[in-house]
C-alpha atoms as a PDB file:
ATOM      1  CA  MET A   1    -184.539 -35.639  37.684  1.00  0.00           C
ATOM      2  CA  SER A   2    -185.678 -36.494  41.234  1.00  0.00           C
ATOM      3  CA  LYS A   3    -183.508 -35.425  44.150  1.00  0.00           C
ATOM      4  CA  ILE A   4    -181.390 -37.824  46.201  1.00  0.00           C
ATOM      5  CA  LYS A   5    -183.186 -38.698  49.445  1.00  0.00           C
ATOM      6  CA  VAL A   6    -180.835 -38.231  52.412  1.00  0.00           C
ATOM      7  CA  GLY A   7    -181.516 -39.500  55.942  1.00  0.00           C
ATOM      8  CA  VAL A   8    -179.683 -37.718  58.755  1.00  0.00           C
ATOM      9  CA  ILE A   9    -178.786 -39.657  61.914  1.00  0.00           C
ATOM     10  CA  GLY A  10    -177.978 -37.423  64.866  1.00  0.00           C
ATOM     11  CA  ALA A  11    -180.405 -34.816  63.554  1.00  0.00           C
ATOM     12  CA  GLY A  12    -180.894 -33.243  66.990  1.00  0.00           C
ATOM     13  CA  GLY A  13    -177.275 -32.200  67.444  1.00  0.00           C
ATOM     14  CA  ARG A  14    -175.291 -29.229  66.155  1.00  0.00           C
ATOM     15  CA  MET A  15    -174.041 -31.003  63.049  1.00  0.00           C
ATOM     16  CA  GLY A  16    -177.405 -32.620  62.356  1.00  0.00           C
ATOM     17  CA  LYS A  17    -179.091 -29.219  62.378  1.00  0.00           C
ATOM     18  CA  ALA A  18    -176.456 -27.774  60.036  1.00  0.00           C
ATOM     19  CA  ILE A  19    -176.910 -30.661  57.575  1.00  0.00           C
ATOM     20  CA  ILE A  20    -180.686 -30.160  57.589  1.00  0.00           C
ATOM     21  CA  GLN A  21    -180.114 -26.476  56.800  1.00  0.00           C
ATOM     22  CA  VAL A  22    -177.836 -27.336  53.872  1.00  0.00           C
ATOM     23  CA  LEU A  23    -180.273 -29.941  52.524  1.00  0.00           C
ATOM     24  CA  SER A  24    -183.092 -27.390  52.624  1.00  0.00           C
ATOM     25  CA  ILE A  25    -181.377 -25.358  49.874  1.00  0.00           C
ATOM     26  CA  SER A  26    -179.665 -28.180  47.964  1.00  0.00           C
ATOM     27  CA  LYS A  27    -180.375 -28.533  44.245  1.00  0.00           C
ATOM     28  CA  LYS A  28    -179.438 -32.238  44.203  1.00  0.00           C
ATOM     29  CA  SER A  29    -180.578 -33.640  47.551  1.00  0.00           C
ATOM     30  CA  VAL A  30    -183.507 -33.494  49.946  1.00  0.00           C
ATOM     31  CA  LEU A  31    -184.025 -34.505  53.581  1.00  0.00           C
ATOM     32  CA  SER A  32    -185.934 -37.787  53.803  1.00  0.00           C
ATOM     33  CA  ALA A  33    -185.505 -38.732  57.492  1.00  0.00           C
ATOM     34  CA  ALA A  34    -184.217 -37.126  60.689  1.00  0.00           C
ATOM     35  CA  VAL A  35    -183.169 -39.609  63.369  1.00  0.00           C
ATOM     36  CA  VAL A  36    -182.632 -38.679  67.014  1.00  0.00           C
ATOM     37  CA  ARG A  37    -181.748 -40.769  70.058  1.00  0.00           C
ATOM     38  CA  GLU A  38    -184.402 -42.850  71.810  1.00  0.00           C
ATOM     39  CA  GLY A  39    -186.241 -40.751  74.377  1.00  0.00           C
ATOM     40  CA  ALA A  40    -185.127 -37.366  73.018  1.00  0.00           C
ATOM     41  CA  ILE A  41    -187.464 -34.635  74.301  1.00  0.00           C
ATOM     42  CA  TYR A  42    -187.714 -33.090  70.828  1.00  0.00           C
ATOM     43  CA  ALA A  43    -188.837 -36.336  69.130  1.00  0.00           C
ATOM     44  CA  GLY A  44    -191.942 -35.557  67.084  1.00  0.00           C
ATOM     45  CA  PHE A  45    -190.886 -31.958  66.399  1.00  0.00           C
ATOM     46  CA  ASP A  46    -190.546 -30.787  62.811  1.00  0.00           C
ATOM     47  CA  SER A  47    -186.870 -31.170  61.853  1.00  0.00           C
ATOM     48  CA  GLY A  48    -186.811 -27.819  60.052  1.00  0.00           C
ATOM     49  CA  ASN A  49    -188.155 -25.889  63.003  1.00  0.00           C
ATOM     50  CA  HIS A  50    -185.663 -27.656  65.284  1.00  0.00           C
ATOM     51  CA  ALA A  51    -182.847 -26.637  62.906  1.00  0.00           C
ATOM     52  CA  GLY A  52    -184.000 -23.015  62.902  1.00  0.00           C
ATOM     53  CA  ILE A  53    -185.501 -22.963  59.401  1.00  0.00           C
ATOM     54  CA  LYS A  54    -188.982 -23.346  57.938  1.00  0.00           C
ATOM     55  CA  GLU A  55    -190.877 -26.629  58.334  1.00  0.00           C
ATOM     56  CA  THR A  56    -189.610 -29.563  56.268  1.00  0.00           C
ATOM     57  CA  GLY A  57    -192.520 -31.898  56.970  1.00  0.00           C
ATOM     58  CA  ILE A  58    -189.996 -34.454  58.249  1.00  0.00           C
ATOM     59  CA  LEU A  59    -190.463 -35.155  61.953  1.00  0.00           C
ATOM     60  CA  LEU A  60    -187.627 -36.024  64.323  1.00  0.00           C
ATOM     61  CA  SER A  61    -187.881 -39.744  65.075  1.00  0.00           C
ATOM     62  CA  SER A  62    -185.886 -42.557  66.664  1.00  0.00           C
ATOM     63  CA  ASP A  63    -187.098 -45.073  64.049  1.00  0.00           C
ATOM     64  CA  LEU A  64    -183.802 -45.968  62.369  1.00  0.00           C
ATOM     65  CA  GLN A  65    -185.296 -48.769  60.260  1.00  0.00           C
ATOM     66  CA  LYS A  66    -187.889 -46.443  58.702  1.00  0.00           C
ATOM     67  CA  ALA A  67    -185.155 -43.905  57.994  1.00  0.00           C
ATOM     68  CA  ASN A  68    -183.307 -46.593  56.033  1.00  0.00           C
ATOM     69  CA  GLU A  69    -186.434 -47.455  54.074  1.00  0.00           C
ATOM     70  CA  ASP A  70    -187.181 -43.810  53.244  1.00  0.00           C
ATOM     71  CA  SER A  71    -183.652 -42.806  52.189  1.00  0.00           C
ATOM     72  CA  ASP A  72    -181.235 -43.332  49.308  1.00  0.00           C
ATOM     73  CA  VAL A  73    -178.196 -42.429  51.429  1.00  0.00           C
ATOM     74  CA  LEU A  74    -177.609 -42.029  55.170  1.00  0.00           C
ATOM     75  CA  ILE A  75    -175.400 -39.462  56.935  1.00  0.00           C
ATOM     76  CA  ASP A  76    -174.373 -40.395  60.491  1.00  0.00           C
ATOM     77  CA  PHE A  77    -173.317 -37.645  62.895  1.00  0.00           C
ATOM     78  CA  SER A  78    -174.589 -39.300  66.060  1.00  0.00           C
ATOM     79  CA  THR A  79    -172.414 -40.637  68.899  1.00  0.00           C
ATOM     80  CA  HIS A  80    -169.924 -43.504  68.886  1.00  0.00           C
ATOM     81  CA  THR A  81    -172.014 -45.490  71.400  1.00  0.00           C
ATOM     82  CA  GLY A  82    -174.688 -46.335  68.831  1.00  0.00           C
ATOM     83  CA  PHE A  83    -172.371 -46.604  65.871  1.00  0.00           C
ATOM     84  CA  GLU A  84    -172.322 -50.407  65.491  1.00  0.00           C
ATOM     85  CA  SER A  85    -176.123 -50.713  65.385  1.00  0.00           C
ATOM     86  CA  ILE A  86    -176.302 -47.940  62.764  1.00  0.00           C
ATOM     87  CA  LEU A  87    -173.688 -49.695  60.624  1.00  0.00           C
ATOM     88  CA  ASN A  88    -175.503 -53.031  60.955  1.00  0.00           C
ATOM     89  CA  ILE A  89    -178.837 -51.558  59.837  1.00  0.00           C
ATOM     90  CA  ALA A  90    -177.157 -49.881  56.857  1.00  0.00           C
ATOM     91  CA  LEU A  91    -175.625 -53.246  55.935  1.00  0.00           C
ATOM     92  CA  LYS A  92    -178.943 -55.041  56.321  1.00  0.00           C
ATOM     93  CA  ASN A  93    -180.634 -52.547  53.989  1.00  0.00           C
ATOM     94  CA  HIS A  94    -177.620 -52.212  51.652  1.00  0.00           C
ATOM     95  CA  LYS A  95    -177.671 -48.460  52.220  1.00  0.00           C
ATOM     96  CA  PRO A  96    -174.799 -46.073  51.327  1.00  0.00           C
ATOM     97  CA  LEU A  97    -173.443 -44.453  54.489  1.00  0.00           C
ATOM     98  CA  VAL A  98    -171.521 -41.251  55.210  1.00  0.00           C
ATOM     99  CA  ILE A  99    -169.782 -41.516  58.600  1.00  0.00           C
ATOM    100  CA  GLY A 100    -168.849 -38.288  60.358  1.00  0.00           C
ATOM    101  CA  THR A 101    -169.110 -39.591  63.918  1.00  0.00           C
ATOM    102  CA  THR A 102    -165.947 -38.993  65.966  1.00  0.00           C
ATOM    103  CA  GLY A 103    -164.464 -40.959  68.845  1.00  0.00           C
ATOM    104  CA  LEU A 104    -164.582 -44.273  66.968  1.00  0.00           C
ATOM    105  CA  THR A 105    -162.249 -47.040  68.151  1.00  0.00           C
ATOM    106  CA  ASP A 106    -159.830 -49.130  66.106  1.00  0.00           C
ATOM    107  CA  SER A 107    -162.343 -52.000  66.238  1.00  0.00           C
ATOM    108  CA  ASP A 108    -165.039 -49.649  64.871  1.00  0.00           C
ATOM    109  CA  LYS A 109    -162.738 -48.742  61.998  1.00  0.00           C
ATOM    110  CA  THR A 110    -162.151 -52.431  61.303  1.00  0.00           C
ATOM    111  CA  LEU A 111    -165.929 -52.893  61.108  1.00  0.00           C
ATOM    112  CA  ILE A 112    -166.149 -49.971  58.664  1.00  0.00           C
ATOM    113  CA  LYS A 113    -163.519 -51.510  56.400  1.00  0.00           C
ATOM    114  CA  SER A 114    -165.325 -54.860  56.452  1.00  0.00           C
ATOM    115  CA  ALA A 115    -168.731 -53.246  55.782  1.00  0.00           C
ATOM    116  CA  SER A 116    -167.314 -51.344  52.787  1.00  0.00           C
ATOM    117  CA  GLU A 117    -166.909 -54.669  50.994  1.00  0.00           C
ATOM    118  CA  THR A 118    -170.720 -54.784  50.873  1.00  0.00           C
ATOM    119  CA  ILE A 119    -171.917 -51.160  50.889  1.00  0.00           C
ATOM    120  CA  PRO A 120    -170.374 -47.847  49.773  1.00  0.00           C
ATOM    121  CA  ILE A 121    -169.048 -45.757  52.682  1.00  0.00           C
ATOM    122  CA  VAL A 122    -167.444 -42.335  52.984  1.00  0.00           C
ATOM    123  CA  PHE A 123    -165.517 -42.202  56.254  1.00  0.00           C
ATOM    124  CA  SER A 124    -163.672 -39.035  57.179  1.00  0.00           C
ATOM    125  CA  PRO A 125    -162.793 -37.368  60.472  1.00  0.00           C
ATOM    126  CA  ASN A 126    -163.685 -34.051  58.851  1.00  0.00           C
ATOM    127  CA  MET A 127    -165.972 -33.262  55.899  1.00  0.00           C
ATOM    128  CA  SER A 128    -164.815 -29.673  55.354  1.00  0.00           C
ATOM    129  CA  VAL A 129    -163.259 -28.817  51.994  1.00  0.00           C
ATOM    130  CA  GLY A 130    -160.773 -26.542  53.752  1.00  0.00           C
ATOM    131  CA  VAL A 131    -159.742 -29.152  56.313  1.00  0.00           C
ATOM    132  CA  ASN A 132    -159.093 -31.705  53.601  1.00  0.00           C
ATOM    133  CA  LEU A 133    -156.838 -29.174  51.913  1.00  0.00           C
ATOM    134  CA  LEU A 134    -155.143 -28.836  55.325  1.00  0.00           C
ATOM    135  CA  PHE A 135    -154.516 -32.595  55.267  1.00  0.00           C
ATOM    136  CA  LYS A 136    -152.964 -32.391  51.792  1.00  0.00           C
ATOM    137  CA  LEU A 137    -150.823 -29.315  52.570  1.00  0.00           C
ATOM    138  CA  THR A 138    -149.617 -30.980  55.783  1.00  0.00           C
ATOM    139  CA  GLU A 139    -148.604 -34.077  53.828  1.00  0.00           C
ATOM    140  CA  ILE A 140    -146.646 -31.983  51.318  1.00  0.00           C
ATOM    141  CA  ALA A 141    -144.913 -29.953  54.038  1.00  0.00           C
ATOM    142  CA  ALA A 142    -143.950 -33.035  56.068  1.00  0.00           C
ATOM    143  CA  LYS A 143    -142.420 -34.714  53.014  1.00  0.00           C
ATOM    144  CA  VAL A 144    -140.406 -31.629  52.103  1.00  0.00           C
ATOM    145  CA  LEU A 145    -139.282 -30.590  55.598  1.00  0.00           C
ATOM    146  CA  HIS A 146    -138.812 -34.115  56.962  1.00  0.00           C
ATOM    147  CA  GLU A 147    -136.489 -34.298  60.022  1.00  0.00           C
ATOM    148  CA  ASP A 148    -135.090 -30.780  59.674  1.00  0.00           C
ATOM    149  CA  PHE A 149    -138.139 -29.362  61.466  1.00  0.00           C
ATOM    150  CA  ASP A 150    -139.813 -30.073  64.821  1.00  0.00           C
ATOM    151  CA  ILE A 151    -143.541 -30.827  64.479  1.00  0.00           C
ATOM    152  CA  GLU A 152    -146.364 -29.851  66.869  1.00  0.00           C
ATOM    153  CA  VAL A 153    -150.156 -30.072  66.412  1.00  0.00           C
ATOM    154  CA  LEU A 154    -152.739 -27.911  68.220  1.00  0.00           C
ATOM    155  CA  ASP A 155    -156.461 -28.782  68.304  1.00  0.00           C
ATOM    156  CA  ILE A 156    -158.978 -26.219  69.671  1.00  0.00           C
ATOM    157  CA  HIS A 157    -162.707 -26.898  70.031  1.00  0.00           C
ATOM    158  CA  HIS A 158    -165.723 -25.761  72.042  1.00  0.00           C
ATOM    159  CA  ARG A 159    -166.026 -26.692  75.694  1.00  0.00           C
ATOM    160  CA  HIS A 160    -168.764 -29.290  75.000  1.00  0.00           C
ATOM    161  CA  LYS A 161    -166.610 -31.584  72.828  1.00  0.00           C
ATOM    162  CA  LYS A 162    -165.916 -34.877  74.573  1.00  0.00           C
ATOM    163  CA  ASP A 163    -163.139 -36.572  72.557  1.00  0.00           C
ATOM    164  CA  ALA A 164    -159.566 -35.305  72.689  1.00  0.00           C
ATOM    165  CA  PRO A 165    -157.576 -35.013  70.544  1.00  0.00           C
ATOM    166  CA  SER A 166    -160.236 -34.472  67.891  1.00  0.00           C
ATOM    167  CA  GLY A 167    -160.725 -36.907  65.036  1.00  0.00           C
ATOM    168  CA  THR A 168    -159.251 -34.276  62.709  1.00  0.00           C
ATOM    169  CA  ALA A 169    -156.140 -33.902  64.874  1.00  0.00           C
ATOM    170  CA  MET A 170    -155.696 -37.673  65.011  1.00  0.00           C
ATOM    171  CA  TYR A 171    -155.934 -37.866  61.226  1.00  0.00           C
ATOM    172  CA  LEU A 172    -153.357 -35.065  60.948  1.00  0.00           C
ATOM    173  CA  LYS A 173    -151.124 -37.209  63.147  1.00  0.00           C
ATOM    174  CA  GLU A 174    -151.553 -40.171  60.760  1.00  0.00           C
ATOM    175  CA  VAL A 175    -150.741 -37.939  57.776  1.00  0.00           C
ATOM    176  CA  LEU A 176    -147.598 -36.693  59.520  1.00  0.00           C
ATOM    177  CA  LEU A 177    -146.459 -40.169  60.580  1.00  0.00           C
ATOM    178  CA  GLU A 178    -146.811 -41.594  57.085  1.00  0.00           C
ATOM    179  CA  ALA A 179    -145.293 -38.599  55.289  1.00  0.00           C
ATOM    180  CA  SER A 180    -142.314 -38.349  57.664  1.00  0.00           C
ATOM    181  CA  LYS A 181    -141.883 -42.132  58.009  1.00  0.00           C
ATOM    182  CA  ARG A 182    -142.324 -42.137  61.783  1.00  0.00           C
ATOM    183  CA  ASN A 183    -144.532 -44.247  64.054  1.00  0.00           C
ATOM    184  CA  GLU A 184    -146.748 -43.957  67.130  1.00  0.00           C
ATOM    185  CA  GLU A 185    -143.725 -44.309  69.431  1.00  0.00           C
ATOM    186  CA  ASN A 186    -142.644 -40.853  68.216  1.00  0.00           C
ATOM    187  CA  VAL A 187    -145.909 -39.219  69.383  1.00  0.00           C
ATOM    188  CA  ILE A 188    -146.539 -37.582  72.766  1.00  0.00           C
ATOM    189  CA  TYR A 189    -149.865 -36.160  73.964  1.00  0.00           C
ATOM    190  CA  GLY A 190    -149.347 -32.936  75.884  1.00  0.00           C
ATOM    191  CA  ARG A 191    -146.465 -32.259  78.250  1.00  0.00           C
ATOM    192  CA  HIS A 192    -146.252 -32.081  82.028  1.00  0.00           C
ATOM    193  CA  GLY A 193    -143.243 -32.234  84.315  1.00  0.00           C
ATOM    194  CA  MET A 194    -139.619 -32.835  83.402  1.00  0.00           C
ATOM    195  CA  TYR A 195    -138.627 -34.177  79.987  1.00  0.00           C
ATOM    196  CA  PRO A 196    -135.323 -34.942  78.331  1.00  0.00           C
ATOM    197  CA  GLU A 197    -134.308 -32.785  75.381  1.00  0.00           C
ATOM    198  CA  ARG A 198    -136.804 -33.049  72.526  1.00  0.00           C
ATOM    199  CA  ASP A 199    -136.201 -36.043  70.293  1.00  0.00           C
ATOM    200  CA  GLN A 200    -135.608 -35.189  66.637  1.00  0.00           C
ATOM    201  CA  LYS A 201    -138.526 -37.377  65.492  1.00  0.00           C
ATOM    202  CA  GLU A 202    -141.002 -36.321  68.180  1.00  0.00           C
ATOM    203  CA  ILE A 203    -144.511 -35.175  67.191  1.00  0.00           C
ATOM    204  CA  ALA A 204    -146.519 -33.523  69.985  1.00  0.00           C
ATOM    205  CA  MET A 205    -150.328 -33.312  70.115  1.00  0.00           C
ATOM    206  CA  HIS A 206    -151.965 -30.536  72.149  1.00  0.00           C
ATOM    207  CA  THR A 207    -155.658 -30.010  72.940  1.00  0.00           C
ATOM    208  CA  MET A 208    -157.712 -27.023  74.105  1.00  0.00           C
ATOM    209  CA  ARG A 209    -161.439 -27.167  74.953  1.00  0.00           C
ATOM    210  CA  ALA A 210    -162.928 -23.743  75.676  1.00  0.00           C
ATOM    211  CA  GLY A 211    -165.709 -21.348  74.811  1.00  0.00           C
ATOM    212  CA  GLU A 212    -167.725 -22.000  71.664  1.00  0.00           C
ATOM    213  CA  VAL A 213    -164.906 -22.517  69.150  1.00  0.00           C
ATOM    214  CA  VAL A 214    -166.348 -24.423  66.179  1.00  0.00           C
ATOM    215  CA  GLY A 215    -162.986 -25.965  65.333  1.00  0.00           C
ATOM    216  CA  GLU A 216    -159.397 -24.861  64.816  1.00  0.00           C
ATOM    217  CA  HIS A 217    -156.343 -26.939  63.890  1.00  0.00           C
ATOM    218  CA  THR A 218    -152.766 -25.821  63.392  1.00  0.00           C
ATOM    219  CA  VAL A 219    -149.723 -27.845  62.362  1.00  0.00           C
ATOM    220  CA  TYR A 220    -146.433 -26.183  63.317  1.00  0.00           C
ATOM    221  CA  PHE A 221    -143.052 -26.877  61.725  1.00  0.00           C
ATOM    222  CA  PHE A 222    -140.113 -25.340  63.627  1.00  0.00           C
ATOM    223  CA  SER A 223    -136.456 -25.093  62.656  1.00  0.00           C
ATOM    224  CA  PRO A 224    -133.777 -22.975  64.382  1.00  0.00           C
ATOM    225  CA  GLU A 225    -134.181 -20.374  61.615  1.00  0.00           C
ATOM    226  CA  GLU A 226    -137.915 -20.304  60.796  1.00  0.00           C
ATOM    227  CA  ARG A 227    -141.421 -21.438  61.673  1.00  0.00           C
ATOM    228  CA  ILE A 228    -144.174 -22.596  59.327  1.00  0.00           C
ATOM    229  CA  GLU A 229    -147.804 -22.737  60.470  1.00  0.00           C
ATOM    230  CA  ILE A 230    -150.643 -24.338  58.528  1.00  0.00           C
ATOM    231  CA  THR A 231    -153.990 -23.420  60.096  1.00  0.00           C
ATOM    232  CA  HIS A 232    -157.644 -24.066  59.422  1.00  0.00           C
ATOM    233  CA  ARG A 233    -160.328 -22.201  61.380  1.00  0.00           C
ATOM    234  CA  ALA A 234    -163.972 -23.153  60.960  1.00  0.00           C
ATOM    235  CA  GLN A 235    -166.303 -20.159  61.245  1.00  0.00           C
ATOM    236  CA  ASP A 236    -169.567 -22.072  60.884  1.00  0.00           C
ATOM    237  CA  ARG A 237    -170.576 -25.744  61.094  1.00  0.00           C
ATOM    238  CA  LYS A 238    -172.123 -25.425  57.643  1.00  0.00           C
ATOM    239  CA  THR A 239    -168.650 -25.943  56.175  1.00  0.00           C
ATOM    240  CA  PHE A 240    -168.717 -29.516  57.552  1.00  0.00           C
ATOM    241  CA  ALA A 241    -172.385 -29.979  56.665  1.00  0.00           C
ATOM    242  CA  SER A 242    -171.835 -28.951  53.037  1.00  0.00           C
ATOM    243  CA  GLY A 243    -169.028 -31.493  52.745  1.00  0.00           C
ATOM    244  CA  ALA A 244    -171.210 -34.224  54.257  1.00  0.00           C
ATOM    245  CA  VAL A 245    -173.962 -33.546  51.725  1.00  0.00           C
ATOM    246  CA  LYS A 246    -171.388 -33.608  48.901  1.00  0.00           C
ATOM    247  CA  ALA A 247    -170.239 -36.987  50.235  1.00  0.00           C
ATOM    248  CA  ALA A 248    -173.813 -38.344  50.218  1.00  0.00           C
ATOM    249  CA  GLU A 249    -174.300 -37.202  46.630  1.00  0.00           C
ATOM    250  CA  PHE A 250    -170.969 -38.802  45.695  1.00  0.00           C
ATOM    251  CA  LEU A 251    -172.052 -42.176  47.138  1.00  0.00           C
ATOM    252  CA  TYR A 252    -175.423 -42.273  45.383  1.00  0.00           C
ATOM    253  CA  GLY A 253    -175.415 -45.019  42.748  1.00  0.00           C
ATOM    254  CA  LYS A 254    -172.198 -46.670  43.950  1.00  0.00           C
ATOM    255  CA  SER A 255    -172.380 -50.366  44.874  1.00  0.00           C
ATOM    256  CA  LYS A 256    -169.587 -50.688  47.467  1.00  0.00           C
ATOM    257  CA  GLY A 257    -166.198 -49.374  48.544  1.00  0.00           C
ATOM    258  CA  LEU A 258    -164.469 -47.294  51.215  1.00  0.00           C
ATOM    259  CA  TYR A 259    -163.945 -43.655  50.261  1.00  0.00           C
ATOM    260  CA  ASN A 260    -162.652 -40.502  51.931  1.00  0.00           C
ATOM    261  CA  MET A 261    -163.130 -36.795  51.250  1.00  0.00           C
ATOM    262  CA  PHE A 262    -160.184 -36.750  48.868  1.00  0.00           C
ATOM    263  CA  ASP A 263    -162.244 -39.061  46.646  1.00  0.00           C
ATOM    264  CA  VAL A 264    -165.329 -36.874  47.034  1.00  0.00           C
ATOM    265  CA  LEU A 265    -163.457 -33.674  46.212  1.00  0.00           C
ATOM    266  CA  GLY A 266    -161.168 -35.150  43.569  1.00  0.00           C
ATOM    267  CA  ILE A 267    -158.027 -34.039  45.410  1.00  0.00           C
END
């Protein structure tokens, strides 16, 4: 059985490199294209060498159309600025697409939902198996604890990360709002200055950007008598890369639809 051909968009970045590493040892999939931004100084380099492994024979290129033609499935971990053009090319070529790009707007998400009526898409703010278990455990805790506990969320990432809160933290917020039957009016982002006494339904989001932290998220539930913490700490970006490759393999052969990592993992 031939392997699934996977094109990686954003191949020059940290996540792109990690995905190339995972694909190099995959039993089901193989790297078919490695797309980098126009004008990247490493364009033309071997993607394996750039990712710190042996040569793959796939050169880093900005030719997105050729990547579509050479691939069965695409994984996008580029930047939000080029997202719409990537989605449009995937639609034009009827190509399954895994979207791991963060910082997407509500209008981007509307475009994703519309595109999924034509092509199969996995869209998740985090591809890690452990983080998706964090989502599920948070949902269970919020339903059980409800308004008896105060809720706070802490998001810690490396100093280079541009969006805050992270996509994972924002999804945790959505999980908490739905499970506890609250809405965006109950959410505050950080605290500074004088505040009235904490509202019973308040959910607070906190962000730290420092050092080289791969990713850490904690959901806190406080009552006067006890505190519950649910934490996920990523030790290596390969945890996200492995999930992204699983998502690509999941999409192969599907005609259309919008999926998340719960679907991929069968949670």
